[in-house]
Amino acid sequence: MKYKNLNLAFLYEIIVGFGCIMSVAVWGQYGFATISLIALRPVLLEKEQIKDEKSYFSLSYKVLSSSIVIVAMLIIAIFIILNFIPHLIPKLPPRDKIIFLLLPFFLMTHGVVGFMYHQKK
């Protein structure tokens, strides 16, 4: 089963991910509860059978692998800044908020990459 309108599904991920990032920035770890809005996606959006499984799973693989690479590069950049460029540390959010921002950032990145790949298809 897949969502009937993949563009809308990816847009929903972008909105929930960005909203969670903003709520973590404002309320700290308690703002992470907004990630639970992603659980409403199956209720709000229609599903349909996958007609061409090969192309759908190829798209899913491209989107997931690209999102993981982007988040991994973000993590590496944060470690480089924390270890090798100490004068930039005050410009980063507090370390406890960085951990809570990784999952919403992945969700938002997954939505953006999926939206772009689906548009290109």
C-alpha atoms as a PDB file:
ATOM      1  CA  MET A   1       0.000   0.000   0.000  1.00  0.00           C
ATOM      2  CA  LYS A   2       1.163   3.507  -0.776  1.00  0.00           C
ATOM      3  CA  TYR A   3      -0.356   6.920  -0.400  1.00  0.00           C
ATOM      4  CA  LYS A   4      -2.533   7.912  -3.326  1.00  0.00           C
ATOM      5  CA  ASN A   5      -1.035  11.399  -3.471  1.00  0.00           C
ATOM      6  CA  LEU A   6       2.688  11.046  -2.720  1.00  0.00           C
ATOM      7  CA  ASN A   7       3.282  14.790  -3.133  1.00  0.00           C
ATOM      8  CA  LEU A   8       0.834  15.494  -0.333  1.00  0.00           C
ATOM      9  CA  ALA A   9       2.403  12.779   1.855  1.00  0.00           C
ATOM     10  CA  PHE A  10       5.877  14.270   1.396  1.00  0.00           C
ATOM     11  CA  LEU A  11       4.557  17.790   1.977  1.00  0.00           C
ATOM     12  CA  TYR A  12       2.975  16.583   5.230  1.00  0.00           C
ATOM     13  CA  GLU A  13       6.378  15.216   6.322  1.00  0.00           C
ATOM     14  CA  ILE A  14       8.006  18.565   5.557  1.00  0.00           C
ATOM     15  CA  ILE A  15       5.415  20.500   7.560  1.00  0.00           C
ATOM     16  CA  VAL A  16       5.520  18.146  10.566  1.00  0.00           C
ATOM     17  CA  GLY A  17       9.343  18.053  10.535  1.00  0.00           C
ATOM     18  CA  PHE A  18       9.648  21.838  10.346  1.00  0.00           C
ATOM     19  CA  GLY A  19       6.987  22.307  13.018  1.00  0.00           C
ATOM     20  CA  CYS A  20       8.791  19.886  15.305  1.00  0.00           C
ATOM     21  CA  ILE A  21      12.111  21.696  14.759  1.00  0.00           C
ATOM     22  CA  MET A  22      10.447  24.992  15.671  1.00  0.00           C
ATOM     23  CA  SER A  23       8.742  23.545  18.737  1.00  0.00           C
ATOM     24  CA  VAL A  24      11.996  21.968  19.978  1.00  0.00           C
ATOM     25  CA  ALA A  25      13.709  25.325  19.498  1.00  0.00           C
ATOM     26  CA  VAL A  26      11.012  27.056  21.552  1.00  0.00           C
ATOM     27  CA  TRP A  27      10.063  24.486  24.213  1.00  0.00           C
ATOM     28  CA  GLY A  28      13.134  22.255  24.342  1.00  0.00           C
ATOM     29  CA  GLN A  29      12.684  18.523  24.709  1.00  0.00           C
ATOM     30  CA  TYR A  30       8.978  18.922  25.461  1.00  0.00           C
ATOM     31  CA  GLY A  31       8.438  20.276  21.962  1.00  0.00           C
ATOM     32  CA  PHE A  32       9.507  16.903  20.585  1.00  0.00           C
ATOM     33  CA  ALA A  33       5.959  15.689  21.249  1.00  0.00           C
ATOM     34  CA  THR A  34       4.841  17.414  18.042  1.00  0.00           C
ATOM     35  CA  ILE A  35       6.529  14.601  16.103  1.00  0.00           C
ATOM     36  CA  SER A  36       3.474  12.542  17.046  1.00  0.00           C
ATOM     37  CA  LEU A  37       1.516  14.443  14.377  1.00  0.00           C
ATOM     38  CA  ILE A  38       3.114  12.136  11.811  1.00  0.00           C
ATOM     39  CA  ALA A  39       0.876   9.381  13.222  1.00  0.00           C
ATOM     40  CA  LEU A  40      -2.145  11.190  11.755  1.00  0.00           C
ATOM     41  CA  ARG A  41      -0.878  10.802   8.195  1.00  0.00           C
ATOM     42  CA  PRO A  42      -2.447   7.344   7.592  1.00  0.00           C
ATOM     43  CA  VAL A  43      -5.770   8.637   8.889  1.00  0.00           C
ATOM     44  CA  LEU A  44      -5.768  11.803   6.777  1.00  0.00           C
ATOM     45  CA  LEU A  45      -4.427  10.489   3.465  1.00  0.00           C
ATOM     46  CA  GLU A  46      -5.897   7.808   1.202  1.00  0.00           C
ATOM     47  CA  LYS A  47      -3.949   4.684   0.283  1.00  0.00           C
ATOM     48  CA  GLU A  48      -3.932   2.549  -2.833  1.00  0.00           C
ATOM     49  CA  GLN A  49      -2.326  -0.623  -4.091  1.00  0.00           C
ATOM     50  CA  ILE A  50       1.154  -0.387  -5.598  1.00  0.00           C
ATOM     51  CA  LYS A  51       0.836  -0.940  -9.343  1.00  0.00           C
ATOM     52  CA  ASP A  52       4.496  -0.924 -10.366  1.00  0.00           C
ATOM     53  CA  GLU A  53       6.421  -2.265  -7.377  1.00  0.00           C
ATOM     54  CA  LYS A  54       9.853  -2.010  -8.975  1.00  0.00           C
ATOM     55  CA  SER A  55       9.665   1.719  -9.690  1.00  0.00           C
ATOM     56  CA  TYR A  56       8.000   2.456  -6.337  1.00  0.00           C
ATOM     57  CA  PHE A  57      10.641   0.610  -4.329  1.00  0.00           C
ATOM     58  CA  SER A  58      13.365   2.198  -6.436  1.00  0.00           C
ATOM     59  CA  LEU A  59      11.952   5.627  -5.572  1.00  0.00           C
ATOM     60  CA  SER A  60      11.694   4.674  -1.898  1.00  0.00           C
ATOM     61  CA  TYR A  61      15.306   3.465  -1.858  1.00  0.00           C
ATOM     62  CA  LYS A  62      16.589   6.652  -3.517  1.00  0.00           C
ATOM     63  CA  VAL A  63      14.666   8.880  -1.121  1.00  0.00           C
ATOM     64  CA  LEU A  64      15.712   6.981   2.007  1.00  0.00           C
ATOM     65  CA  SER A  65      19.382   6.658   1.062  1.00  0.00           C
ATOM     66  CA  SER A  66      19.653  10.331   0.070  1.00  0.00           C
ATOM     67  CA  SER A  67      18.000  11.411   3.330  1.00  0.00           C
ATOM     68  CA  ILE A  68      20.325   9.243   5.411  1.00  0.00           C
ATOM     69  CA  VAL A  69      23.380  10.651   3.615  1.00  0.00           C
ATOM     70  CA  ILE A  70      22.232  14.247   4.227  1.00  0.00           C
ATOM     71  CA  VAL A  71      21.599  13.619   7.936  1.00  0.00           C
ATOM     72  CA  ALA A  72      24.945  11.804   8.263  1.00  0.00           C
ATOM     73  CA  MET A  73      26.703  14.815   6.710  1.00  0.00           C
ATOM     74  CA  LEU A  74      24.914  17.069   9.211  1.00  0.00           C
ATOM     75  CA  ILE A  75      26.076  14.902  12.118  1.00  0.00           C
ATOM     76  CA  ILE A  76      29.652  14.899  10.810  1.00  0.00           C
ATOM     77  CA  ALA A  77      29.568  18.687  10.402  1.00  0.00           C
ATOM     78  CA  ILE A  78      28.325  19.121  13.983  1.00  0.00           C
ATOM     79  CA  PHE A  79      31.112  16.877  15.318  1.00  0.00           C
ATOM     80  CA  ILE A  80      33.706  18.799  13.309  1.00  0.00           C
ATOM     81  CA  ILE A  81      32.448  22.110  14.662  1.00  0.00           C
ATOM     82  CA  LEU A  82      32.332  20.821  18.242  1.00  0.00           C
ATOM     83  CA  ASN A  83      35.829  19.328  18.109  1.00  0.00           C
ATOM     84  CA  PHE A  84      37.869  21.477  15.759  1.00  0.00           C
ATOM     85  CA  ILE A  85      36.266  24.923  15.569  1.00  0.00           C
ATOM     86  CA  PRO A  86      35.601  25.928  19.183  1.00  0.00           C
ATOM     87  CA  HIS A  87      34.791  29.581  18.430  1.00  0.00           C
ATOM     88  CA  LEU A  88      31.633  28.456  16.534  1.00  0.00           C
ATOM     89  CA  ILE A  89      30.252  26.471  19.500  1.00  0.00           C
ATOM     90  CA  PRO A  90      28.338  29.465  20.955  1.00  0.00           C
ATOM     91  CA  LYS A  91      26.511  29.844  17.621  1.00  0.00           C
ATOM     92  CA  LEU A  92      25.143  26.285  17.791  1.00  0.00           C
ATOM     93  CA  PRO A  93      22.009  25.450  19.759  1.00  0.00           C
ATOM     94  CA  PRO A  94      22.627  23.776  23.124  1.00  0.00           C
ATOM     95  CA  ARG A  95      23.893  20.215  22.816  1.00  0.00           C
ATOM     96  CA  ASP A  96      20.783  18.675  24.310  1.00  0.00           C
ATOM     97  CA  LYS A  97      18.623  20.348  21.648  1.00  0.00           C
ATOM     98  CA  ILE A  98      20.882  19.109  18.845  1.00  0.00           C
ATOM     99  CA  ILE A  99      20.030  15.506  19.685  1.00  0.00           C
ATOM    100  CA  PHE A 100      16.301  16.273  19.673  1.00  0.00           C
ATOM    101  CA  LEU A 101      16.597  18.035  16.311  1.00  0.00           C
ATOM    102  CA  LEU A 102      18.030  15.066  14.402  1.00  0.00           C
ATOM    103  CA  LEU A 103      14.807  13.077  13.967  1.00  0.00           C
ATOM    104  CA  PRO A 104      12.665  16.059  12.885  1.00  0.00           C
ATOM    105  CA  PHE A 105      15.469  17.130  10.554  1.00  0.00           C
ATOM    106  CA  PHE A 106      15.503  13.630   9.052  1.00  0.00           C
ATOM    107  CA  LEU A 107      11.728  13.733   8.645  1.00  0.00           C
ATOM    108  CA  MET A 108      11.858  17.126   6.958  1.00  0.00           C
ATOM    109  CA  THR A 109      14.783  16.056   4.748  1.00  0.00           C
ATOM    110  CA  HIS A 110      12.957  12.851   3.777  1.00  0.00           C
ATOM    111  CA  GLY A 111       9.954  14.927   2.741  1.00  0.00           C
ATOM    112  CA  VAL A 112      12.013  17.402   0.707  1.00  0.00           C
ATOM    113  CA  VAL A 113      14.050  14.726  -1.057  1.00  0.00           C
ATOM    114  CA  GLY A 114      10.958  12.617  -1.724  1.00  0.00           C
ATOM    115  CA  PHE A 115       9.085  15.612  -3.080  1.00  0.00           C
ATOM    116  CA  MET A 116      11.974  16.437  -5.416  1.00  0.00           C
ATOM    117  CA  TYR A 117      12.419  12.837  -6.655  1.00  0.00           C
ATOM    118  CA  HIS A 118       8.699  12.433  -7.197  1.00  0.00           C
ATOM    119  CA  GLN A 119       8.545  15.680  -9.190  1.00  0.00           C
ATOM    120  CA  LYS A 120      11.463  14.562 -11.342  1.00  0.00           C
ATOM    121  CA  LYS A 121       9.796  11.211 -12.124  1.00  0.00           C
END
